[in-house]
Amino acid sequence: MATVALSVSHSNSEHTAAAVREEQKAYTFKIAVSMALYACLFFVLAFCGPYVLPAITLFSNAPLTDRQVAASQLLLLSDTVWVAIPVFFLGATLFSMLVTRRVVDALERLGQSARAWAAGGVSHRLQFREADRLTDLAQLLNQGWSQVGQGVETIQQESSRARTAVDSAMKIILAQGVGGSEALRQLQTTTESLDRIQAALGRFEIGPPHEPRRL
């Protein structure tokens, strides 16, 4: 039964990890599209900006000389600014790729840490790059898992001490020749519970804090 439970748990973990990766890809794609659209909008506004004032002057009740100057400016802009459109869109594409890359890198680091914690590695520590501006989030998560690790280590130590005490009590009871007593049965039940606790704690990795290698 224990083997079946472990196999099912491992299968569920793999399924969850695959689902998380799919969600991460979908989120990354949405971020990339959003960044590209925002960048294009920014460059379009920057492209249309120089046309605003001459267009207002041209279609207003301004003197004829002013409108002639505005028309000349519009013609000049049409001959020069339109040439820069490919540069604008190239800049928008590069900007969206840069921002998306930074978001993807931060998500990948967070995903690696989540998988390590899900596997029981409570000593794992999350580490972002300084450029990600997520140092406070990393510190908060690392502090939380540090407390979890300390709690698991304390439970392991205390359960080991309890198991030693229960074994000593059972030996004393058996030495006194009261092998079928209710106290002995209760101690045996306690021993089985402590064994299950130790088995559950065995999946956690306890050790010094482990930080991922800087990329």
Protein backbone atom coordinates (compact mmCIF):
# COMPACT_ATOMS: atom_id res chain seq x y z
CA MET A 1 0.00 0.00 0.00
CA ALA A 2 2.84 2.40 0.82
CA THR A 3 4.44 1.76 -2.57
CA VAL A 4 1.16 2.43 -4.35
CA ALA A 5 0.67 5.65 -2.38
CA LEU A 6 4.17 6.84 -3.21
CA SER A 7 3.65 6.04 -6.92
CA VAL A 8 0.36 7.94 -6.98
CA SER A 9 1.93 10.89 -5.17
CA HIS A 10 4.86 10.93 -7.63
CA SER A 11 2.47 10.78 -10.58
CA ASN A 12 0.41 13.66 -9.16
CA SER A 13 3.56 15.71 -8.62
CA GLU A 14 4.64 15.19 -12.22
CA HIS A 15 1.16 16.10 -13.47
CA THR A 16 1.15 19.25 -11.33
CA ALA A 17 4.64 20.23 -12.52
CA ALA A 18 3.56 19.79 -16.16
CA ALA A 19 0.44 21.90 -15.55
CA VAL A 20 2.55 24.62 -13.94
CA ARG A 21 4.92 24.67 -16.92
CA GLU A 22 1.99 25.02 -19.31
CA GLU A 23 0.56 27.89 -17.26
CA GLN A 24 3.99 29.50 -17.19
CA LYS A 25 4.27 29.29 -20.99
CA ALA A 26 0.78 30.74 -21.44
CA TYR A 27 1.53 33.57 -19.00
CA THR A 28 4.82 34.30 -20.74
CA PHE A 29 3.08 34.44 -24.12
CA LYS A 30 0.50 36.89 -22.74
CA ILE A 31 3.26 39.06 -21.29
CA ALA A 32 5.12 39.06 -24.62
CA VAL A 33 2.03 40.05 -26.58
CA SER A 34 1.11 42.74 -24.06
CA MET A 35 4.61 44.21 -24.07
CA ALA A 36 4.68 44.23 -27.87
CA LEU A 37 1.32 46.00 -28.08
CA TYR A 38 2.28 48.56 -25.44
CA ALA A 39 5.60 49.21 -27.16
CA CYS A 40 3.89 49.62 -30.53
CA LEU A 41 1.37 52.00 -28.99
CA PHE A 42 4.16 54.03 -27.43
CA PHE A 43 6.07 54.32 -30.69
CA VAL A 44 2.92 55.10 -32.66
CA LEU A 45 2.15 57.94 -30.26
CA ALA A 46 5.74 59.11 -30.54
CA PHE A 47 5.40 58.93 -34.32
CA CYS A 48 2.11 60.87 -34.42
CA GLY A 49 3.18 63.45 -31.84
CA PRO A 50 5.04 65.78 -34.22
CA TYR A 51 1.97 65.91 -36.50
CA VAL A 52 -0.39 67.22 -33.83
CA LEU A 53 0.62 70.87 -33.59
CA PRO A 54 1.03 71.51 -37.34
CA ALA A 55 -2.29 69.73 -38.04
CA ILE A 56 -4.09 71.88 -35.45
CA THR A 57 -2.57 75.00 -36.98
CA LEU A 58 -3.45 73.93 -40.50
CA PHE A 59 -7.14 73.29 -39.77
CA SER A 60 -7.59 76.29 -37.47
CA ASN A 61 -8.40 79.89 -38.20
CA ALA A 62 -4.74 80.86 -38.02
CA PRO A 63 -3.29 83.34 -40.53
CA LEU A 64 -2.55 82.01 -43.99
CA THR A 65 1.20 82.32 -43.50
CA ASP A 66 1.05 80.22 -40.34
CA ARG A 67 -1.01 77.57 -42.13
CA GLN A 68 1.47 77.54 -44.99
CA VAL A 69 4.28 76.96 -42.53
CA ALA A 70 2.25 74.16 -40.88
CA ALA A 71 1.62 72.56 -44.28
CA SER A 72 5.33 72.72 -45.05
CA GLN A 73 6.11 71.10 -41.71
CA LEU A 74 3.61 68.29 -42.40
CA LEU A 75 5.16 67.66 -45.80
CA LEU A 76 8.63 67.61 -44.27
CA LEU A 77 7.48 65.19 -41.57
CA SER A 78 5.88 62.97 -44.20
CA ASP A 79 9.20 62.77 -46.04
CA THR A 80 11.31 62.06 -42.94
CA VAL A 81 9.26 60.44 -40.18
CA TRP A 82 7.71 57.72 -42.33
CA VAL A 83 11.18 56.42 -43.08
CA ALA A 84 11.62 55.81 -39.35
CA ILE A 85 8.56 53.53 -39.05
CA PRO A 86 10.58 50.29 -39.50
CA VAL A 87 12.99 51.53 -36.86
CA PHE A 88 10.07 52.24 -34.50
CA PHE A 89 8.61 48.77 -34.89
CA LEU A 90 12.03 47.16 -34.59
CA GLY A 91 12.55 49.07 -31.36
CA ALA A 92 9.13 47.95 -30.12
CA THR A 93 9.99 44.33 -30.88
CA LEU A 94 13.36 44.51 -29.16
CA PHE A 95 11.85 46.25 -26.14
CA SER A 96 9.12 43.61 -25.76
CA MET A 97 11.67 40.80 -26.13
CA LEU A 98 13.91 42.34 -23.46
CA VAL A 99 11.09 42.84 -20.95
CA THR A 100 9.64 39.39 -21.65
CA ARG A 101 13.04 37.78 -21.19
CA ARG A 102 13.41 39.34 -17.77
CA VAL A 103 9.92 38.22 -16.76
CA VAL A 104 10.55 34.70 -18.05
CA ASP A 105 13.83 34.47 -16.15
CA ALA A 106 12.18 35.53 -12.89
CA LEU A 107 9.31 33.08 -13.43
CA GLU A 108 11.77 30.27 -14.18
CA ARG A 109 13.70 30.93 -10.98
CA LEU A 110 10.46 30.98 -9.01
CA GLY A 111 9.30 27.77 -10.73
CA GLN A 112 12.58 25.98 -9.95
CA SER A 113 12.30 26.96 -6.30
CA ALA A 114 8.65 25.87 -6.16
CA ARG A 115 9.56 22.46 -7.60
CA ALA A 116 12.41 22.11 -5.10
CA TRP A 117 10.11 22.98 -2.19
CA ALA A 118 7.40 20.63 -3.50
CA ALA A 119 10.01 17.84 -3.55
CA GLY A 120 10.73 18.45 0.14
CA GLY A 121 13.85 20.60 -0.21
CA VAL A 122 13.08 23.02 2.61
CA SER A 123 16.75 24.04 2.65
CA HIS A 124 16.44 25.46 -0.87
CA ARG A 125 16.60 29.24 -1.10
CA LEU A 126 15.12 31.42 -3.81
CA GLN A 127 17.43 33.99 -5.37
CA PHE A 128 16.53 36.56 -8.00
CA ARG A 129 18.88 38.82 -9.88
CA GLU A 130 19.27 42.36 -8.59
CA ALA A 131 17.83 43.66 -11.86
CA ASP A 132 14.58 41.77 -11.21
CA ARG A 133 13.72 44.06 -8.27
CA LEU A 134 12.22 41.09 -6.39
CA THR A 135 14.67 40.86 -3.50
CA ASP A 136 11.98 41.52 -0.88
CA LEU A 137 9.81 38.71 -2.25
CA ALA A 138 12.77 36.30 -2.19
CA GLN A 139 13.61 37.25 1.39
CA LEU A 140 10.01 36.78 2.51
CA LEU A 141 9.71 33.33 0.91
CA ASN A 142 13.13 32.25 2.17
CA GLN A 143 12.28 33.33 5.72
CA GLY A 144 9.04 31.34 5.57
CA TRP A 145 10.77 28.19 4.38
CA SER A 146 13.55 28.69 6.90
CA GLN A 147 10.93 28.55 9.65
CA VAL A 148 9.39 25.46 8.04
CA GLY A 149 12.81 23.79 7.97
CA GLN A 150 13.44 24.62 11.61
CA GLY A 151 10.03 23.21 12.53
CA VAL A 152 10.64 19.98 10.59
CA GLU A 153 14.06 19.56 12.17
CA THR A 154 12.60 20.08 15.65
CA ILE A 155 9.85 17.53 14.98
CA GLN A 156 12.42 15.01 13.76
CA GLN A 157 14.59 15.46 16.85
CA GLU A 158 11.69 15.31 19.30
CA SER A 159 10.10 12.29 17.61
CA SER A 160 13.44 10.48 17.80
CA ARG A 161 13.66 11.27 21.50
CA ALA A 162 10.07 10.11 21.99
CA ARG A 163 10.79 6.88 20.11
CA THR A 164 13.81 6.22 22.31
CA ALA A 165 11.75 6.82 25.46
CA VAL A 166 8.93 4.55 24.23
CA ASP A 167 11.39 1.76 23.38
CA SER A 168 12.94 2.04 26.84
CA ALA A 169 9.49 1.89 28.48
CA MET A 170 8.55 -1.17 26.44
CA LYS A 171 11.75 -2.94 27.49
CA ILE A 172 11.00 -2.19 31.14
CA ILE A 173 7.44 -3.50 30.83
CA LEU A 174 8.60 -6.67 29.06
CA ALA A 175 11.29 -7.18 31.69
CA GLN A 176 8.62 -7.04 34.37
CA GLY A 177 6.69 -9.83 32.64
CA VAL A 178 3.55 -7.88 31.77
CA GLY A 179 3.74 -8.38 28.01
CA GLY A 180 -0.03 -8.38 27.46
CA SER A 181 -0.86 -5.28 29.46
CA GLU A 182 -2.84 -2.36 28.13
CA ALA A 183 0.13 -0.06 28.73
CA LEU A 184 2.26 -2.16 26.40
CA ARG A 185 -0.38 -2.06 23.68
CA GLN A 186 -0.60 1.72 24.00
CA LEU A 187 3.16 1.99 23.72
CA GLN A 188 3.12 -0.17 20.60
CA THR A 189 0.47 2.11 19.09
CA THR A 190 2.64 5.10 19.96
CA THR A 191 5.62 3.42 18.32
CA GLU A 192 3.67 2.87 15.12
CA SER A 193 2.55 6.52 15.12
CA LEU A 194 6.14 7.68 15.61
CA ASP A 195 7.27 5.45 12.74
CA ARG A 196 4.68 7.07 10.46
CA ILE A 197 5.81 10.52 11.57
CA GLN A 198 9.44 9.64 10.82
CA ALA A 199 8.43 8.27 7.41
CA ALA A 200 6.51 11.45 6.60
CA LEU A 201 9.42 13.64 7.70
CA GLY A 202 11.85 11.54 5.70
CA ARG A 203 10.78 13.20 2.44
CA PHE A 204 12.05 16.56 3.64
CA GLU A 205 15.62 17.57 2.95
CA ILE A 206 17.13 19.12 6.07
CA GLY A 207 20.47 20.83 5.83
CA PRO A 208 22.24 24.16 5.49
CA PRO A 209 20.49 26.72 3.26
CA HIS A 210 21.10 25.97 -0.39
CA GLU A 211 21.04 28.90 -2.80
CA PRO A 212 20.79 28.35 -6.56
CA ARG A 213 23.80 29.14 -8.66
CA ARG A 214 23.75 32.65 -10.17
CA LEU A 215 23.05 32.63 -13.89
